[in-house]
Amino acid sequence: MTVRTASLFAQKLLCPPSRLIGLEAGSYEAWCIDEAMFTVMLRLSEGRKLRPKKSEDNRALLKQLGL
């Protein structure tokens, strides 16, 4: 099952995605799964890529880190 399918399925059933895979409600693991799936679906709905563009080297990262 893909993230998109699981998220849509959870929406139709009016339950959090973590419940679909049998995680204990209120657990840290359930929160992590629900948060991750929300983030993925938000990015997809905004037309954003799930991964940033791959760069040839780490210059931009090093600059961002101040190195």
PDB file of N, CA and C in Angstrom:
ATOM      1  N   MET A   1       0.853  -1.171   0.000  1.00  0.00           N
ATOM      2  CA  MET A   1       0.000   0.000   0.000  1.00  0.00           C
ATOM      3  C   MET A   1       0.902   1.237   0.000  1.00  0.00           C
ATOM      4  N   THR A   2       0.628   2.169  -0.873  1.00  0.00           N
ATOM      5  CA  THR A   2       1.420   3.395  -0.935  1.00  0.00           C
ATOM      6  C   THR A   2       0.979   4.372   0.154  1.00  0.00           C
ATOM      7  N   VAL A   3       1.811   5.363   0.390  1.00  0.00           N
ATOM      8  CA  VAL A   3       1.477   6.390   1.386  1.00  0.00           C
ATOM      9  C   VAL A   3       0.192   7.097   0.984  1.00  0.00           C
ATOM     10  N   ARG A   4       0.085   7.418  -0.303  1.00  0.00           N
ATOM     11  CA  ARG A   4      -1.117   8.117  -0.779  1.00  0.00           C
ATOM     12  C   ARG A   4      -2.364   7.261  -0.572  1.00  0.00           C
ATOM     13  N   THR A   5      -2.280   5.987  -0.929  1.00  0.00           N
ATOM     14  CA  THR A   5      -3.421   5.091  -0.768  1.00  0.00           C
ATOM     15  C   THR A   5      -3.799   4.948   0.704  1.00  0.00           C
ATOM     16  N   ALA A   6      -2.805   4.750   1.550  1.00  0.00           N
ATOM     17  CA  ALA A   6      -3.071   4.603   2.984  1.00  0.00           C
ATOM     18  C   ALA A   6      -3.697   5.864   3.559  1.00  0.00           C
ATOM     19  N   SER A   7      -3.207   7.018   3.132  1.00  0.00           N
ATOM     20  CA  SER A   7      -3.746   8.276   3.639  1.00  0.00           C
ATOM     21  C   SER A   7      -5.194   8.478   3.195  1.00  0.00           C
ATOM     22  N   LEU A   8      -5.463   8.207   1.932  1.00  0.00           N
ATOM     23  CA  LEU A   8      -6.833   8.351   1.431  1.00  0.00           C
ATOM     24  C   LEU A   8      -7.772   7.351   2.106  1.00  0.00           C
ATOM     25  N   PHE A   9      -7.280   6.140   2.307  1.00  0.00           N
ATOM     26  CA  PHE A   9      -8.065   5.116   2.984  1.00  0.00           C
ATOM     27  C   PHE A   9      -8.395   5.563   4.408  1.00  0.00           C
ATOM     28  N   ALA A  10      -7.411   6.107   5.109  1.00  0.00           N
ATOM     29  CA  ALA A  10      -7.627   6.591   6.478  1.00  0.00           C
ATOM     30  C   ALA A  10      -8.631   7.737   6.499  1.00  0.00           C
ATOM     31  N   GLN A  11      -8.559   8.620   5.503  1.00  0.00           N
ATOM     32  CA  GLN A  11      -9.514   9.732   5.433  1.00  0.00           C
ATOM     33  C   GLN A  11     -10.933   9.216   5.263  1.00  0.00           C
ATOM     34  N   LYS A  12     -11.105   8.222   4.402  1.00  0.00           N
ATOM     35  CA  LYS A  12     -12.442   7.666   4.163  1.00  0.00           C
ATOM     36  C   LYS A  12     -12.995   6.979   5.409  1.00  0.00           C
ATOM     37  N   LEU A  13     -12.109   6.341   6.166  1.00  0.00           N
ATOM     38  CA  LEU A  13     -12.542   5.644   7.379  1.00  0.00           C
ATOM     39  C   LEU A  13     -12.587   6.553   8.602  1.00  0.00           C
ATOM     40  N   LEU A  14     -12.183   7.813   8.413  1.00  0.00           N
ATOM     41  CA  LEU A  14     -12.147   8.792   9.503  1.00  0.00           C
ATOM     42  C   LEU A  14     -11.309   8.300  10.689  1.00  0.00           C
ATOM     43  N   CYS A  15     -10.124   7.785  10.367  1.00  0.00           N
ATOM     44  CA  CYS A  15      -9.213   7.337  11.415  1.00  0.00           C
ATOM     45  C   CYS A  15      -7.791   7.740  11.038  1.00  0.00           C
ATOM     46  N   PRO A  16      -6.908   7.834  12.000  1.00  0.00           N
ATOM     47  CA  PRO A  16      -5.521   8.173  11.680  1.00  0.00           C
ATOM     48  C   PRO A  16      -4.848   7.010  10.947  1.00  0.00           C
ATOM     49  N   PRO A  17      -3.890   7.308  10.069  1.00  0.00           N
ATOM     50  CA  PRO A  17      -3.199   6.249   9.324  1.00  0.00           C
ATOM     51  C   PRO A  17      -2.548   5.204  10.231  1.00  0.00           C
ATOM     52  N   SER A  18      -2.073   5.617  11.389  1.00  0.00           N
ATOM     53  CA  SER A  18      -1.411   4.673  12.299  1.00  0.00           C
ATOM     54  C   SER A  18      -2.354   3.558  12.745  1.00  0.00           C
ATOM     55  N   ARG A  19      -3.631   3.852  12.813  1.00  0.00           N
ATOM     56  CA  ARG A  19      -4.593   2.830  13.230  1.00  0.00           C
ATOM     57  C   ARG A  19      -4.730   1.743  12.160  1.00  0.00           C
ATOM     58  N   LEU A  20      -4.536   2.121  10.890  1.00  0.00           N
ATOM     59  CA  LEU A  20      -4.633   1.143   9.805  1.00  0.00           C
ATOM     60  C   LEU A  20      -3.560   0.067   9.909  1.00  0.00           C
ATOM     61  N   ILE A  21      -2.416   0.422  10.466  1.00  0.00           N
ATOM     62  CA  ILE A  21      -1.341  -0.566  10.580  1.00  0.00           C
ATOM     63  C   ILE A  21      -1.240  -1.146  11.987  1.00  0.00           C
ATOM     64  N   GLY A  22      -2.208  -0.834  12.821  1.00  0.00           N
ATOM     65  CA  GLY A  22      -2.318  -1.473  14.123  1.00  0.00           C
ATOM     66  C   GLY A  22      -1.441  -0.924  15.227  1.00  0.00           C
ATOM     67  N   LEU A  23      -1.018   0.332  15.107  1.00  0.00           N
ATOM     68  CA  LEU A  23      -0.221   0.923  16.182  1.00  0.00           C
ATOM     69  C   LEU A  23      -1.127   1.374  17.321  1.00  0.00           C
ATOM     70  N   GLU A  24      -0.584   1.340  18.515  1.00  0.00           N
ATOM     71  CA  GLU A  24      -1.342   1.736  19.702  1.00  0.00           C
ATOM     72  C   GLU A  24      -1.647   3.232  19.652  1.00  0.00           C
ATOM     73  N   ALA A  25      -2.917   3.582  19.804  1.00  0.00           N
ATOM     74  CA  ALA A  25      -3.323   4.988  19.771  1.00  0.00           C
ATOM     75  C   ALA A  25      -2.617   5.754  20.875  1.00  0.00           C
ATOM     76  N   GLY A  26      -2.102   6.922  20.546  1.00  0.00           N
ATOM     77  CA  GLY A  26      -1.428   7.756  21.519  1.00  0.00           C
ATOM     78  C   GLY A  26       0.043   7.430  21.724  1.00  0.00           C
ATOM     79  N   SER A  27       0.524   6.382  21.053  1.00  0.00           N
ATOM     80  CA  SER A  27       1.935   6.027  21.209  1.00  0.00           C
ATOM     81  C   SER A  27       2.808   6.954  20.367  1.00  0.00           C
ATOM     82  N   TYR A  28       4.071   6.999  20.726  1.00  0.00           N
ATOM     83  CA  TYR A  28       5.024   7.831  19.980  1.00  0.00           C
ATOM     84  C   TYR A  28       5.141   7.346  18.534  1.00  0.00           C
ATOM     85  N   GLU A  29       5.139   6.036  18.341  1.00  0.00           N
ATOM     86  CA  GLU A  29       5.238   5.473  16.999  1.00  0.00           C
ATOM     87  C   GLU A  29       4.052   5.895  16.142  1.00  0.00           C
ATOM     88  N   ALA A  30       2.860   5.868  16.730  1.00  0.00           N
ATOM     89  CA  ALA A  30       1.657   6.272  16.001  1.00  0.00           C
ATOM     90  C   ALA A  30       1.742   7.743  15.614  1.00  0.00           C
ATOM     91  N   TRP A  31       2.198   8.566  16.536  1.00  0.00           N
ATOM     92  CA  TRP A  31       2.342   9.995  16.243  1.00  0.00           C
ATOM     93  C   TRP A  31       3.313  10.207  15.085  1.00  0.00           C
ATOM     94  N   CYS A  32       4.446   9.491  15.110  1.00  0.00           N
ATOM     95  CA  CYS A  32       5.450   9.638  14.047  1.00  0.00           C
ATOM     96  C   CYS A  32       4.883   9.260  12.683  1.00  0.00           C
ATOM     97  N   ILE A  33       4.171   8.146  12.616  1.00  0.00           N
ATOM     98  CA  ILE A  33       3.581   7.707  11.348  1.00  0.00           C
ATOM     99  C   ILE A  33       2.551   8.715  10.866  1.00  0.00           C
ATOM    100  N   ASP A  34       1.672   9.153  11.743  1.00  0.00           N
ATOM    101  CA  ASP A  34       0.635  10.112  11.354  1.00  0.00           C
ATOM    102  C   ASP A  34       1.250  11.424  10.873  1.00  0.00           C
ATOM    103  N   GLU A  35       2.265  11.898  11.565  1.00  0.00           N
ATOM    104  CA  GLU A  35       2.933  13.148  11.202  1.00  0.00           C
ATOM    105  C   GLU A  35       3.651  13.014   9.859  1.00  0.00           C
ATOM    106  N   ALA A  36       4.332  11.896   9.659  1.00  0.00           N
ATOM    107  CA  ALA A  36       5.053  11.672   8.404  1.00  0.00           C
ATOM    108  C   ALA A  36       4.088  11.592   7.225  1.00  0.00           C
ATOM    109  N   MET A  37       2.999  10.883   7.393  1.00  0.00           N
ATOM    110  CA  MET A  37       2.034  10.758   6.299  1.00  0.00           C
ATOM    111  C   MET A  37       1.359  12.093   6.011  1.00  0.00           C
ATOM    112  N   PHE A  38       1.094  12.875   7.045  1.00  0.00           N
ATOM    113  CA  PHE A  38       0.521  14.202   6.838  1.00  0.00           C
ATOM    114  C   PHE A  38       1.479  15.070   6.029  1.00  0.00           C
ATOM    115  N   THR A  39       2.766  15.028   6.391  1.00  0.00           N
ATOM    116  CA  THR A  39       3.771  15.830   5.695  1.00  0.00           C
ATOM    117  C   THR A  39       3.879  15.426   4.230  1.00  0.00           C
ATOM    118  N   VAL A  40       3.902  14.135   3.956  1.00  0.00           N
ATOM    119  CA  VAL A  40       3.983  13.649   2.574  1.00  0.00           C
ATOM    120  C   VAL A  40       2.765  14.103   1.783  1.00  0.00           C
ATOM    121  N   MET A  41       1.586  13.926   2.337  1.00  0.00           N
ATOM    122  CA  MET A  41       0.368  14.301   1.612  1.00  0.00           C
ATOM    123  C   MET A  41       0.283  15.809   1.407  1.00  0.00           C
ATOM    124  N   LEU A  42       0.742  16.594   2.375  1.00  0.00           N
ATOM    125  CA  LEU A  42       0.746  18.043   2.227  1.00  0.00           C
ATOM    126  C   LEU A  42       1.661  18.449   1.081  1.00  0.00           C
ATOM    127  N   ARG A  43       2.862  17.881   1.044  1.00  0.00           N
ATOM    128  CA  ARG A  43       3.800  18.198  -0.042  1.00  0.00           C
ATOM    129  C   ARG A  43       3.216  17.817  -1.402  1.00  0.00           C
ATOM    130  N   LEU A  44       2.617  16.643  -1.493  1.00  0.00           N
ATOM    131  CA  LEU A  44       2.036  16.213  -2.761  1.00  0.00           C
ATOM    132  C   LEU A  44       0.879  17.118  -3.178  1.00  0.00           C
ATOM    133  N   SER A  45       0.046  17.518  -2.221  1.00  0.00           N
ATOM    134  CA  SER A  45      -1.098  18.375  -2.556  1.00  0.00           C
ATOM    135  C   SER A  45      -0.656  19.758  -3.010  1.00  0.00           C
ATOM    136  N   GLU A  46       0.522  20.194  -2.548  1.00  0.00           N
ATOM    137  CA  GLU A  46       1.067  21.488  -2.964  1.00  0.00           C
ATOM    138  C   GLU A  46       1.887  21.380  -4.246  1.00  0.00           C
ATOM    139  N   GLY A  47       1.997  20.173  -4.793  1.00  0.00           N
ATOM    140  CA  GLY A  47       2.756  19.977  -6.020  1.00  0.00           C
ATOM    141  C   GLY A  47       4.262  19.959  -5.813  1.00  0.00           C
ATOM    142  N   ARG A  48       4.684  19.814  -4.571  1.00  0.00           N
ATOM    143  CA  ARG A  48       6.120  19.797  -4.276  1.00  0.00           C
ATOM    144  C   ARG A  48       6.662  18.380  -4.387  1.00  0.00           C
ATOM    145  N   LYS A  49       7.940  18.291  -4.634  1.00  0.00           N
ATOM    146  CA  LYS A  49       8.613  16.997  -4.697  1.00  0.00           C
ATOM    147  C   LYS A  49       8.858  16.492  -3.279  1.00  0.00           C
ATOM    148  N   LEU A  50       8.915  15.181  -3.139  1.00  0.00           N
ATOM    149  CA  LEU A  50       9.184  14.606  -1.831  1.00  0.00           C
ATOM    150  C   LEU A  50      10.661  14.677  -1.485  1.00  0.00           C
ATOM    151  N   ARG A  51      11.500  14.742  -2.510  1.00  0.00           N
ATOM    152  CA  ARG A  51      12.939  14.853  -2.297  1.00  0.00           C
ATOM    153  C   ARG A  51      13.448  16.093  -3.012  1.00  0.00           C
ATOM    154  N   PRO A  52      14.414  16.751  -2.411  1.00  0.00           N
ATOM    155  CA  PRO A  52      14.989  17.916  -3.101  1.00  0.00           C
ATOM    156  C   PRO A  52      15.783  17.465  -4.321  1.00  0.00           C
ATOM    157  N   LYS A  53      16.068  18.416  -5.222  1.00  0.00           N
ATOM    158  CA  LYS A  53      16.873  18.092  -6.389  1.00  0.00           C
ATOM    159  C   LYS A  53      18.235  17.590  -5.944  1.00  0.00           C
ATOM    160  N   LYS A  54      18.722  16.590  -6.651  1.00  0.00           N
ATOM    161  CA  LYS A  54      20.035  16.040  -6.337  1.00  0.00           C
ATOM    162  C   LYS A  54      21.100  16.961  -6.911  1.00  0.00           C
ATOM    163  N   SER A  55      22.066  17.310  -6.083  1.00  0.00           N
ATOM    164  CA  SER A  55      23.127  18.203  -6.544  1.00  0.00           C
ATOM    165  C   SER A  55      24.373  17.385  -6.874  1.00  0.00           C
ATOM    166  N   GLU A  56      25.242  18.001  -7.649  1.00  0.00           N
ATOM    167  CA  GLU A  56      26.477  17.332  -8.052  1.00  0.00           C
ATOM    168  C   GLU A  56      27.485  17.258  -6.907  1.00  0.00           C
ATOM    169  N   ASP A  57      27.428  18.222  -5.997  1.00  0.00           N
ATOM    170  CA  ASP A  57      28.358  18.239  -4.871  1.00  0.00           C
ATOM    171  C   ASP A  57      27.671  18.842  -3.647  1.00  0.00           C
ATOM    172  N   ASN A  58      28.414  19.039  -2.609  1.00  0.00           N
ATOM    173  CA  ASN A  58      27.843  19.522  -1.344  1.00  0.00           C
ATOM    174  C   ASN A  58      28.102  20.998  -1.079  1.00  0.00           C
ATOM    175  N   ARG A  59      28.433  21.770  -2.098  1.00  0.00           N
ATOM    176  CA  ARG A  59      28.762  23.183  -1.877  1.00  0.00           C
ATOM    177  C   ARG A  59      27.633  23.951  -1.193  1.00  0.00           C
ATOM    178  N   ALA A  60      26.410  23.772  -1.656  1.00  0.00           N
ATOM    179  CA  ALA A  60      25.276  24.504  -1.071  1.00  0.00           C
ATOM    180  C   ALA A  60      25.075  24.112   0.395  1.00  0.00           C
ATOM    181  N   LEU A  61      25.207  22.834   0.695  1.00  0.00           N
ATOM    182  CA  LEU A  61      25.060  22.377   2.072  1.00  0.00           C
ATOM    183  C   LEU A  61      26.165  22.942   2.953  1.00  0.00           C
ATOM    184  N   LEU A  62      27.390  22.901   2.466  1.00  0.00           N
ATOM    185  CA  LEU A  62      28.509  23.443   3.240  1.00  0.00           C
ATOM    186  C   LEU A  62      28.336  24.940   3.488  1.00  0.00           C
ATOM    187  N   LYS A  63      27.833  25.657   2.482  1.00  0.00           N
ATOM    188  CA  LYS A  63      27.595  27.092   2.638  1.00  0.00           C
ATOM    189  C   LYS A  63      26.515  27.337   3.692  1.00  0.00           C
ATOM    190  N   GLN A  64      25.457  26.541   3.642  1.00  0.00           N
ATOM    191  CA  GLN A  64      24.364  26.678   4.601  1.00  0.00           C
ATOM    192  C   GLN A  64      24.856  26.401   6.028  1.00  0.00           C
ATOM    193  N   LEU A  65      25.791  25.486   6.165  1.00  0.00           N
ATOM    194  CA  LEU A  65      26.344  25.155   7.479  1.00  0.00           C
ATOM    195  C   LEU A  65      27.422  26.129   7.927  1.00  0.00           C
ATOM    196  N   GLY A  66      27.786  27.049   7.035  1.00  0.00           N
ATOM    197  CA  GLY A  66      28.797  28.042   7.364  1.00  0.00           C
ATOM    198  C   GLY A  66      30.216  27.506   7.295  1.00  0.00           C
ATOM    199  N   LEU A  67      30.409  26.473   6.506  1.00  0.00           N
ATOM    200  CA  LEU A  67      31.743  25.867   6.381  1.00  0.00           C
ATOM    201  C   LEU A  67      32.407  26.246   5.074  1.00  0.00           C
TER     202      LEU A  67
END
